[in-house]
Amino acid sequence: MALVLLPFTAEAQPSNPSDGGIRYEPLDSWPYAYENFLPGVVRTRKGDALEYTQLNVNLASGKLHFVEKGTIMQADMNTVYTVLVLSDVYINNLGVLYKVEREQAKGAYLSRRSIDMDRFNSVDIGYGVSSTTASSRKATLTGLGFNAAGGGNVADMSISRAIEQKGSGSVLPLKTDHYFYVYNILIPATKRDVLATPGVDKKAAKEFFKSSKINWNKPQTQYPLIDFLYDQLDAFNKKNQ
């Protein structure tokens, strides 16, 4: 399972760079994975590698945005396979980008950073934000490609306008979820979801959790499950062919 087949010669750089050593935090006026639109490469489902000068990942919708003739546009997610921005690789699953945290021959471990909508929709999300202000924030997100159903419309906003309103935003409440990606199946990295996956032997899985010392709060301890899940699904599929 090769995800990273992209021609890219730039030196690896840290994710989410910012000036002066200040950590970048996405804002309701700028719900993006990166502080600025950055050069990157998109690998299409046809195998083409397309280079872009300005790419970013919209955290609200999980879609890929790019700048064309001064306007923020949303990529046709039906054509996108993987995306490379800086040293970060993303894979498209059902129209949403997931960051590759670990890639192995039999699969990958992914993460998805998104807006914590429970906190965002609350009257007071911990920043003293009123419901009126929250409504205004939702309108801003809509303009930057946000859709409550997770759908995707072209952002269709000038990059200059987006940058102008960027500084007036508030920090977004975010959450990070993790997943196993094996056999082209996305499996949430939780004990319950792994055990509920069709084709996985529950008894064998529980024994593997114990012998491999899987800690569901520590992603790195979960990497051995990539091969385990692949082998389980592979055996199941071959048996049922």
C-alpha atoms as a PDB file:
ATOM      1  CA  MET A   1       0.000   0.000   0.000  1.00  0.00           C
ATOM      2  CA  ALA A   2       2.051   2.928  -1.257  1.00  0.00           C
ATOM      3  CA  LEU A   3       0.577   6.310  -0.410  1.00  0.00           C
ATOM      4  CA  VAL A   4       3.645   8.488  -0.779  1.00  0.00           C
ATOM      5  CA  LEU A   5       4.395   8.354  -4.488  1.00  0.00           C
ATOM      6  CA  LEU A   6       4.799  12.062  -5.050  1.00  0.00           C
ATOM      7  CA  PRO A   7       7.726  13.866  -6.699  1.00  0.00           C
ATOM      8  CA  PHE A   8       8.792  16.310  -4.034  1.00  0.00           C
ATOM      9  CA  THR A   9      12.380  17.352  -3.430  1.00  0.00           C
ATOM     10  CA  ALA A  10      12.008  20.104  -0.829  1.00  0.00           C
ATOM     11  CA  GLU A  11      13.566  19.460   2.543  1.00  0.00           C
ATOM     12  CA  ALA A  12      11.191  18.269   5.246  1.00  0.00           C
ATOM     13  CA  GLN A  13       9.866  21.162   7.303  1.00  0.00           C
ATOM     14  CA  PRO A  14       7.908  21.283  10.551  1.00  0.00           C
ATOM     15  CA  SER A  15       4.127  21.315  10.302  1.00  0.00           C
ATOM     16  CA  ASN A  16       2.228  24.525  10.981  1.00  0.00           C
ATOM     17  CA  PRO A  17       5.221  26.894  10.817  1.00  0.00           C
ATOM     18  CA  SER A  18       4.819  30.350  12.308  1.00  0.00           C
ATOM     19  CA  ASP A  19       6.935  33.416  12.781  1.00  0.00           C
ATOM     20  CA  GLY A  20       8.830  34.138  15.963  1.00  0.00           C
ATOM     21  CA  GLY A  21       8.357  30.652  17.385  1.00  0.00           C
ATOM     22  CA  ILE A  22       4.676  31.339  18.149  1.00  0.00           C
ATOM     23  CA  ARG A  23       2.561  28.237  17.654  1.00  0.00           C
ATOM     24  CA  TYR A  24      -0.086  28.644  14.991  1.00  0.00           C
ATOM     25  CA  GLU A  25      -3.691  28.062  16.089  1.00  0.00           C
ATOM     26  CA  PRO A  26      -6.568  27.857  13.556  1.00  0.00           C
ATOM     27  CA  LEU A  27      -9.181  30.608  13.882  1.00  0.00           C
ATOM     28  CA  ASP A  28     -12.873  30.798  13.106  1.00  0.00           C
ATOM     29  CA  SER A  29     -11.879  33.330  10.437  1.00  0.00           C
ATOM     30  CA  TRP A  30      -9.121  31.014   9.180  1.00  0.00           C
ATOM     31  CA  PRO A  31     -10.115  27.352   9.788  1.00  0.00           C
ATOM     32  CA  TYR A  32      -7.068  25.928   8.072  1.00  0.00           C
ATOM     33  CA  ALA A  33      -4.416  23.386   8.992  1.00  0.00           C
ATOM     34  CA  TYR A  34      -1.673  25.861   8.046  1.00  0.00           C
ATOM     35  CA  GLU A  35      -1.119  29.500   8.834  1.00  0.00           C
ATOM     36  CA  ASN A  36      -0.575  30.274   5.153  1.00  0.00           C
ATOM     37  CA  PHE A  37      -1.384  28.648   1.818  1.00  0.00           C
ATOM     38  CA  LEU A  38       1.721  26.644   0.927  1.00  0.00           C
ATOM     39  CA  PRO A  39       3.286  24.859  -2.067  1.00  0.00           C
ATOM     40  CA  GLY A  40       2.305  21.230  -2.396  1.00  0.00           C
ATOM     41  CA  VAL A  41       1.669  18.280  -4.675  1.00  0.00           C
ATOM     42  CA  VAL A  42      -1.616  16.542  -5.413  1.00  0.00           C
ATOM     43  CA  ARG A  43      -1.623  12.983  -6.674  1.00  0.00           C
ATOM     44  CA  THR A  44      -4.782  12.228  -8.614  1.00  0.00           C
ATOM     45  CA  ARG A  45      -6.635   8.941  -8.773  1.00  0.00           C
ATOM     46  CA  LYS A  46      -5.373   8.600 -12.353  1.00  0.00           C
ATOM     47  CA  GLY A  47      -1.797   8.686 -11.064  1.00  0.00           C
ATOM     48  CA  ASP A  48      -0.894  12.216 -12.170  1.00  0.00           C
ATOM     49  CA  ALA A  49       1.182  14.413  -9.853  1.00  0.00           C
ATOM     50  CA  LEU A  50       0.104  18.069  -9.941  1.00  0.00           C
ATOM     51  CA  GLU A  51       2.163  20.801  -8.310  1.00  0.00           C
ATOM     52  CA  TYR A  52       0.448  23.809  -6.734  1.00  0.00           C
ATOM     53  CA  THR A  53       1.942  26.989  -5.303  1.00  0.00           C
ATOM     54  CA  GLN A  54      -0.850  27.583  -2.757  1.00  0.00           C
ATOM     55  CA  LEU A  55      -2.607  24.732  -0.942  1.00  0.00           C
ATOM     56  CA  ASN A  56      -4.280  24.360   2.448  1.00  0.00           C
ATOM     57  CA  VAL A  57      -6.531  21.893   4.246  1.00  0.00           C
ATOM     58  CA  ASN A  58      -9.862  23.215   5.510  1.00  0.00           C
ATOM     59  CA  LEU A  59     -10.393  21.789   9.011  1.00  0.00           C
ATOM     60  CA  ALA A  60     -14.105  22.575   8.972  1.00  0.00           C
ATOM     61  CA  SER A  61     -14.907  20.413   5.953  1.00  0.00           C
ATOM     62  CA  GLY A  62     -11.796  18.279   5.551  1.00  0.00           C
ATOM     63  CA  LYS A  63     -11.509  19.468   1.941  1.00  0.00           C
ATOM     64  CA  LEU A  64      -8.490  20.634  -0.011  1.00  0.00           C
ATOM     65  CA  HIS A  65      -8.425  24.332  -0.893  1.00  0.00           C
ATOM     66  CA  PHE A  66      -6.149  26.072  -3.370  1.00  0.00           C
ATOM     67  CA  VAL A  67      -5.745  29.583  -4.730  1.00  0.00           C
ATOM     68  CA  GLU A  68      -6.453  30.272  -8.377  1.00  0.00           C
ATOM     69  CA  LYS A  69      -6.245  33.788  -9.817  1.00  0.00           C
ATOM     70  CA  GLY A  70      -6.474  35.281  -6.336  1.00  0.00           C
ATOM     71  CA  THR A  71      -9.536  33.270  -5.293  1.00  0.00           C
ATOM     72  CA  ILE A  72      -9.765  30.422  -2.762  1.00  0.00           C
ATOM     73  CA  MET A  73     -11.175  27.393  -4.542  1.00  0.00           C
ATOM     74  CA  GLN A  74     -12.131  23.923  -3.384  1.00  0.00           C
ATOM     75  CA  ALA A  75     -10.589  20.951  -5.165  1.00  0.00           C
ATOM     76  CA  ASP A  76     -12.749  18.315  -6.826  1.00  0.00           C
ATOM     77  CA  MET A  77     -12.304  15.670  -4.137  1.00  0.00           C
ATOM     78  CA  ASN A  78     -13.435  12.938  -6.544  1.00  0.00           C
ATOM     79  CA  THR A  79     -10.115  13.319  -8.369  1.00  0.00           C
ATOM     80  CA  VAL A  80      -7.793  13.647  -5.343  1.00  0.00           C
ATOM     81  CA  TYR A  81      -5.921  10.593  -4.033  1.00  0.00           C
ATOM     82  CA  THR A  82      -3.140  11.995  -1.842  1.00  0.00           C
ATOM     83  CA  VAL A  83      -1.832  15.457  -0.980  1.00  0.00           C
ATOM     84  CA  LEU A  84       1.633  16.515   0.137  1.00  0.00           C
ATOM     85  CA  VAL A  85       2.104  19.828   1.984  1.00  0.00           C
ATOM     86  CA  LEU A  86       5.517  20.439   3.571  1.00  0.00           C
ATOM     87  CA  SER A  87       6.377  17.011   4.996  1.00  0.00           C
ATOM     88  CA  ASP A  88       2.734  16.151   5.698  1.00  0.00           C
ATOM     89  CA  VAL A  89       0.947  13.545   3.614  1.00  0.00           C
ATOM     90  CA  TYR A  90      -2.844  13.330   3.450  1.00  0.00           C
ATOM     91  CA  ILE A  91      -5.024  10.635   1.935  1.00  0.00           C
ATOM     92  CA  ASN A  92      -8.532  11.266   0.672  1.00  0.00           C
ATOM     93  CA  ASN A  93     -11.244   8.975   1.999  1.00  0.00           C
ATOM     94  CA  LEU A  94     -14.806   9.673   0.861  1.00  0.00           C
ATOM     95  CA  GLY A  95     -14.038  13.318   0.192  1.00  0.00           C
ATOM     96  CA  VAL A  96     -12.254  14.061   3.475  1.00  0.00           C
ATOM     97  CA  LEU A  97      -8.484  14.411   3.968  1.00  0.00           C
ATOM     98  CA  TYR A  98      -6.781  12.401   6.707  1.00  0.00           C
ATOM     99  CA  LYS A  99      -3.173  12.978   7.715  1.00  0.00           C
ATOM    100  CA  VAL A 100      -0.847   9.981   7.505  1.00  0.00           C
ATOM    101  CA  GLU A 101       0.876   9.540  10.868  1.00  0.00           C
ATOM    102  CA  ARG A 102       2.402   6.140  10.090  1.00  0.00           C
ATOM    103  CA  GLU A 103       2.603   4.200   6.850  1.00  0.00           C
ATOM    104  CA  GLN A 104       3.442   0.515   6.609  1.00  0.00           C
ATOM    105  CA  ALA A 105       3.335  -2.024   3.796  1.00  0.00           C
ATOM    106  CA  LYS A 106      -0.110  -3.263   4.820  1.00  0.00           C
ATOM    107  CA  GLY A 107      -1.808  -0.008   5.722  1.00  0.00           C
ATOM    108  CA  ALA A 108      -1.546   3.276   7.559  1.00  0.00           C
ATOM    109  CA  TYR A 109      -2.414   5.066  10.785  1.00  0.00           C
ATOM    110  CA  LEU A 110      -4.255   8.333  10.140  1.00  0.00           C
ATOM    111  CA  SER A 111      -5.424  11.360  12.083  1.00  0.00           C
ATOM    112  CA  ARG A 112      -8.186  13.850  11.406  1.00  0.00           C
ATOM    113  CA  ARG A 113      -8.065  17.226  13.122  1.00  0.00           C
ATOM    114  CA  SER A 114     -11.434  18.939  12.963  1.00  0.00           C
ATOM    115  CA  ILE A 115     -13.605  21.484  14.725  1.00  0.00           C
ATOM    116  CA  ASP A 116     -15.130  20.251  17.975  1.00  0.00           C
ATOM    117  CA  MET A 117     -18.695  21.136  17.042  1.00  0.00           C
ATOM    118  CA  ASP A 118     -20.096  20.313  20.485  1.00  0.00           C
ATOM    119  CA  ARG A 119     -17.905  23.006  22.013  1.00  0.00           C
ATOM    120  CA  PHE A 120     -18.299  25.337  19.048  1.00  0.00           C
ATOM    121  CA  ASN A 121     -22.101  25.190  19.146  1.00  0.00           C
ATOM    122  CA  SER A 122     -22.385  25.691  22.893  1.00  0.00           C
ATOM    123  CA  VAL A 123     -23.534  29.070  24.203  1.00  0.00           C
ATOM    124  CA  ASP A 124     -20.266  29.471  26.069  1.00  0.00           C
ATOM    125  CA  ILE A 125     -17.411  27.474  24.561  1.00  0.00           C
ATOM    126  CA  GLY A 126     -14.943  28.515  27.202  1.00  0.00           C
ATOM    127  CA  TYR A 127     -13.880  31.784  25.616  1.00  0.00           C
ATOM    128  CA  GLY A 128     -16.829  33.840  26.817  1.00  0.00           C
ATOM    129  CA  VAL A 129     -18.430  33.685  23.377  1.00  0.00           C
ATOM    130  CA  SER A 130     -22.127  34.534  23.264  1.00  0.00           C
ATOM    131  CA  SER A 131     -24.646  32.740  21.072  1.00  0.00           C
ATOM    132  CA  THR A 132     -24.885  35.854  18.871  1.00  0.00           C
ATOM    133  CA  THR A 133     -21.138  35.882  18.336  1.00  0.00           C
ATOM    134  CA  ALA A 134     -21.190  32.138  17.689  1.00  0.00           C
ATOM    135  CA  SER A 135     -23.753  32.649  14.920  1.00  0.00           C
ATOM    136  CA  SER A 136     -21.496  35.225  13.334  1.00  0.00           C
ATOM    137  CA  ARG A 137     -18.585  32.809  13.557  1.00  0.00           C
ATOM    138  CA  LYS A 138     -20.604  30.113  11.789  1.00  0.00           C
ATOM    139  CA  ALA A 139     -21.354  32.556   8.986  1.00  0.00           C
ATOM    140  CA  THR A 140     -17.634  33.219   8.597  1.00  0.00           C
ATOM    141  CA  LEU A 141     -16.895  29.503   8.460  1.00  0.00           C
ATOM    142  CA  THR A 142     -19.583  29.062   5.824  1.00  0.00           C
ATOM    143  CA  GLY A 143     -17.855  31.646   3.696  1.00  0.00           C
ATOM    144  CA  LEU A 144     -14.602  29.704   3.982  1.00  0.00           C
ATOM    145  CA  GLY A 145     -16.116  26.440   2.826  1.00  0.00           C
ATOM    146  CA  PHE A 146     -17.766  25.162   6.004  1.00  0.00           C
ATOM    147  CA  ASN A 147     -20.928  23.131   5.682  1.00  0.00           C
ATOM    148  CA  ALA A 148     -22.801  21.774   8.706  1.00  0.00           C
ATOM    149  CA  ALA A 149     -23.318  18.484   6.893  1.00  0.00           C
ATOM    150  CA  GLY A 150     -19.633  18.283   6.049  1.00  0.00           C
ATOM    151  CA  GLY A 151     -20.393  18.923   2.415  1.00  0.00           C
ATOM    152  CA  GLY A 152     -18.273  20.991   0.156  1.00  0.00           C
ATOM    153  CA  ASN A 153     -19.055  24.071  -1.829  1.00  0.00           C
ATOM    154  CA  VAL A 154     -16.341  26.080  -3.524  1.00  0.00           C
ATOM    155  CA  ALA A 155     -15.061  28.585  -0.985  1.00  0.00           C
ATOM    156  CA  ASP A 156     -15.165  31.315  -3.661  1.00  0.00           C
ATOM    157  CA  MET A 157     -13.561  34.004  -1.521  1.00  0.00           C
ATOM    158  CA  SER A 158     -10.652  36.183  -2.539  1.00  0.00           C
ATOM    159  CA  ILE A 159      -7.456  35.291  -0.723  1.00  0.00           C
ATOM    160  CA  SER A 160      -6.862  38.969   0.035  1.00  0.00           C
ATOM    161  CA  ARG A 161     -10.241  39.277   1.759  1.00  0.00           C
ATOM    162  CA  ALA A 162      -9.654  36.078   3.736  1.00  0.00           C
ATOM    163  CA  ILE A 163      -6.276  37.367   4.923  1.00  0.00           C
ATOM    164  CA  GLU A 164      -7.798  40.722   5.906  1.00  0.00           C
ATOM    165  CA  GLN A 165     -10.394  39.149   8.198  1.00  0.00           C
ATOM    166  CA  LYS A 166      -7.988  36.490   9.446  1.00  0.00           C
ATOM    167  CA  GLY A 167      -6.588  38.626  12.249  1.00  0.00           C
ATOM    168  CA  SER A 168     -10.000  39.361  13.789  1.00  0.00           C
ATOM    169  CA  GLY A 169     -10.871  35.723  14.438  1.00  0.00           C
ATOM    170  CA  SER A 170     -11.014  33.680  17.631  1.00  0.00           C
ATOM    171  CA  VAL A 171      -9.200  30.423  18.306  1.00  0.00           C
ATOM    172  CA  LEU A 172     -11.244  27.409  17.229  1.00  0.00           C
ATOM    173  CA  PRO A 173     -11.944  24.503  19.589  1.00  0.00           C
ATOM    174  CA  LEU A 174     -10.427  21.466  17.874  1.00  0.00           C
ATOM    175  CA  LYS A 175     -10.373  17.716  18.348  1.00  0.00           C
ATOM    176  CA  THR A 176      -8.168  14.995  16.876  1.00  0.00           C
ATOM    177  CA  ASP A 177      -9.429  11.533  15.992  1.00  0.00           C
ATOM    178  CA  HIS A 178      -7.273   8.601  14.893  1.00  0.00           C
ATOM    179  CA  TYR A 179      -7.950   5.808  12.425  1.00  0.00           C
ATOM    180  CA  PHE A 180      -6.527   2.634  10.930  1.00  0.00           C
ATOM    181  CA  TYR A 181      -6.604   2.514   7.142  1.00  0.00           C
ATOM    182  CA  VAL A 182      -6.356  -1.052   5.875  1.00  0.00           C
ATOM    183  CA  TYR A 183      -7.904  -2.829   2.896  1.00  0.00           C
ATOM    184  CA  ASN A 184      -9.225   0.598   1.848  1.00  0.00           C
ATOM    185  CA  ILE A 185     -11.326   0.591   5.005  1.00  0.00           C
ATOM    186  CA  LEU A 186     -11.227   3.415   7.553  1.00  0.00           C
ATOM    187  CA  ILE A 187     -11.521   2.052  11.101  1.00  0.00           C
ATOM    188  CA  PRO A 188     -11.698   4.426  14.098  1.00  0.00           C
ATOM    189  CA  ALA A 189      -8.794   3.690  16.441  1.00  0.00           C
ATOM    190  CA  THR A 190     -10.884   2.644  19.412  1.00  0.00           C
ATOM    191  CA  LYS A 191     -11.209  -0.765  21.049  1.00  0.00           C
ATOM    192  CA  ARG A 192     -14.953  -0.858  20.391  1.00  0.00           C
ATOM    193  CA  ASP A 193     -14.646  -0.018  16.696  1.00  0.00           C
ATOM    194  CA  VAL A 194     -11.848  -2.504  16.073  1.00  0.00           C
ATOM    195  CA  LEU A 195     -13.800  -5.317  17.743  1.00  0.00           C
ATOM    196  CA  ALA A 196     -16.932  -4.362  15.766  1.00  0.00           C
ATOM    197  CA  THR A 197     -15.168  -4.469  12.392  1.00  0.00           C
ATOM    198  CA  PRO A 198     -16.611  -7.245  10.194  1.00  0.00           C
ATOM    199  CA  GLY A 199     -13.952  -9.895   9.584  1.00  0.00           C
ATOM    200  CA  VAL A 200     -12.029  -9.295  12.813  1.00  0.00           C
ATOM    201  CA  ASP A 201     -11.933 -12.221  15.223  1.00  0.00           C
ATOM    202  CA  LYS A 202     -12.832 -10.691  18.587  1.00  0.00           C
ATOM    203  CA  LYS A 203     -11.004 -13.310  20.654  1.00  0.00           C
ATOM    204  CA  ALA A 204      -7.832 -13.031  18.589  1.00  0.00           C
ATOM    205  CA  ALA A 205      -8.051  -9.240  18.718  1.00  0.00           C
ATOM    206  CA  LYS A 206      -8.357  -9.144  22.511  1.00  0.00           C
ATOM    207  CA  GLU A 207      -5.378 -11.471  22.841  1.00  0.00           C
ATOM    208  CA  PHE A 208      -3.399  -9.239  20.486  1.00  0.00           C
ATOM    209  CA  PHE A 209      -4.323  -6.118  22.468  1.00  0.00           C
ATOM    210  CA  LYS A 210      -2.907  -7.747  25.582  1.00  0.00           C
ATOM    211  CA  SER A 211       0.234  -9.311  24.098  1.00  0.00           C
ATOM    212  CA  SER A 212       1.151  -6.127  22.191  1.00  0.00           C
ATOM    213  CA  LYS A 213       0.309  -3.867  25.133  1.00  0.00           C
ATOM    214  CA  ILE A 214      -2.029  -1.687  23.111  1.00  0.00           C
ATOM    215  CA  ASN A 215      -2.817   1.580  24.889  1.00  0.00           C
ATOM    216  CA  TRP A 216      -5.818   3.321  23.363  1.00  0.00           C
ATOM    217  CA  ASN A 217      -4.613   6.675  24.700  1.00  0.00           C
ATOM    218  CA  LYS A 218      -1.174   6.347  23.076  1.00  0.00           C
ATOM    219  CA  PRO A 219      -1.288   6.195  19.266  1.00  0.00           C
ATOM    220  CA  GLN A 220       2.267   4.872  18.845  1.00  0.00           C
ATOM    221  CA  THR A 221       1.391   1.692  20.769  1.00  0.00           C
ATOM    222  CA  GLN A 222      -1.425   1.054  18.276  1.00  0.00           C
ATOM    223  CA  TYR A 223       0.777   0.827  15.169  1.00  0.00           C
ATOM    224  CA  PRO A 224       1.176  -3.003  15.388  1.00  0.00           C
ATOM    225  CA  LEU A 225      -2.579  -3.253  14.827  1.00  0.00           C
ATOM    226  CA  ILE A 226      -2.127  -2.105  11.227  1.00  0.00           C
ATOM    227  CA  ASP A 227      -0.626  -5.444  10.179  1.00  0.00           C
ATOM    228  CA  PHE A 228      -2.924  -7.406  12.499  1.00  0.00           C
ATOM    229  CA  LEU A 229      -6.062  -5.856  11.015  1.00  0.00           C
ATOM    230  CA  TYR A 230      -4.849  -6.355   7.464  1.00  0.00           C
ATOM    231  CA  ASP A 231      -4.118 -10.022   8.085  1.00  0.00           C
ATOM    232  CA  GLN A 232      -7.506 -10.504   9.726  1.00  0.00           C
ATOM    233  CA  LEU A 233      -9.409  -8.854   6.870  1.00  0.00           C
ATOM    234  CA  ASP A 234      -7.290 -10.573   4.237  1.00  0.00           C
ATOM    235  CA  ALA A 235      -7.993 -14.014   5.714  1.00  0.00           C
ATOM    236  CA  PHE A 236     -11.706 -13.195   6.057  1.00  0.00           C
ATOM    237  CA  ASN A 237     -12.011 -11.998   2.461  1.00  0.00           C
ATOM    238  CA  LYS A 238     -10.171 -15.007   1.051  1.00  0.00           C
ATOM    239  CA  LYS A 239     -12.365 -17.359   3.070  1.00  0.00           C
ATOM    240  CA  ASN A 240     -15.513 -15.721   1.776  1.00  0.00           C
ATOM    241  CA  GLN A 241     -14.565 -15.342  -1.877  1.00  0.00           C
END
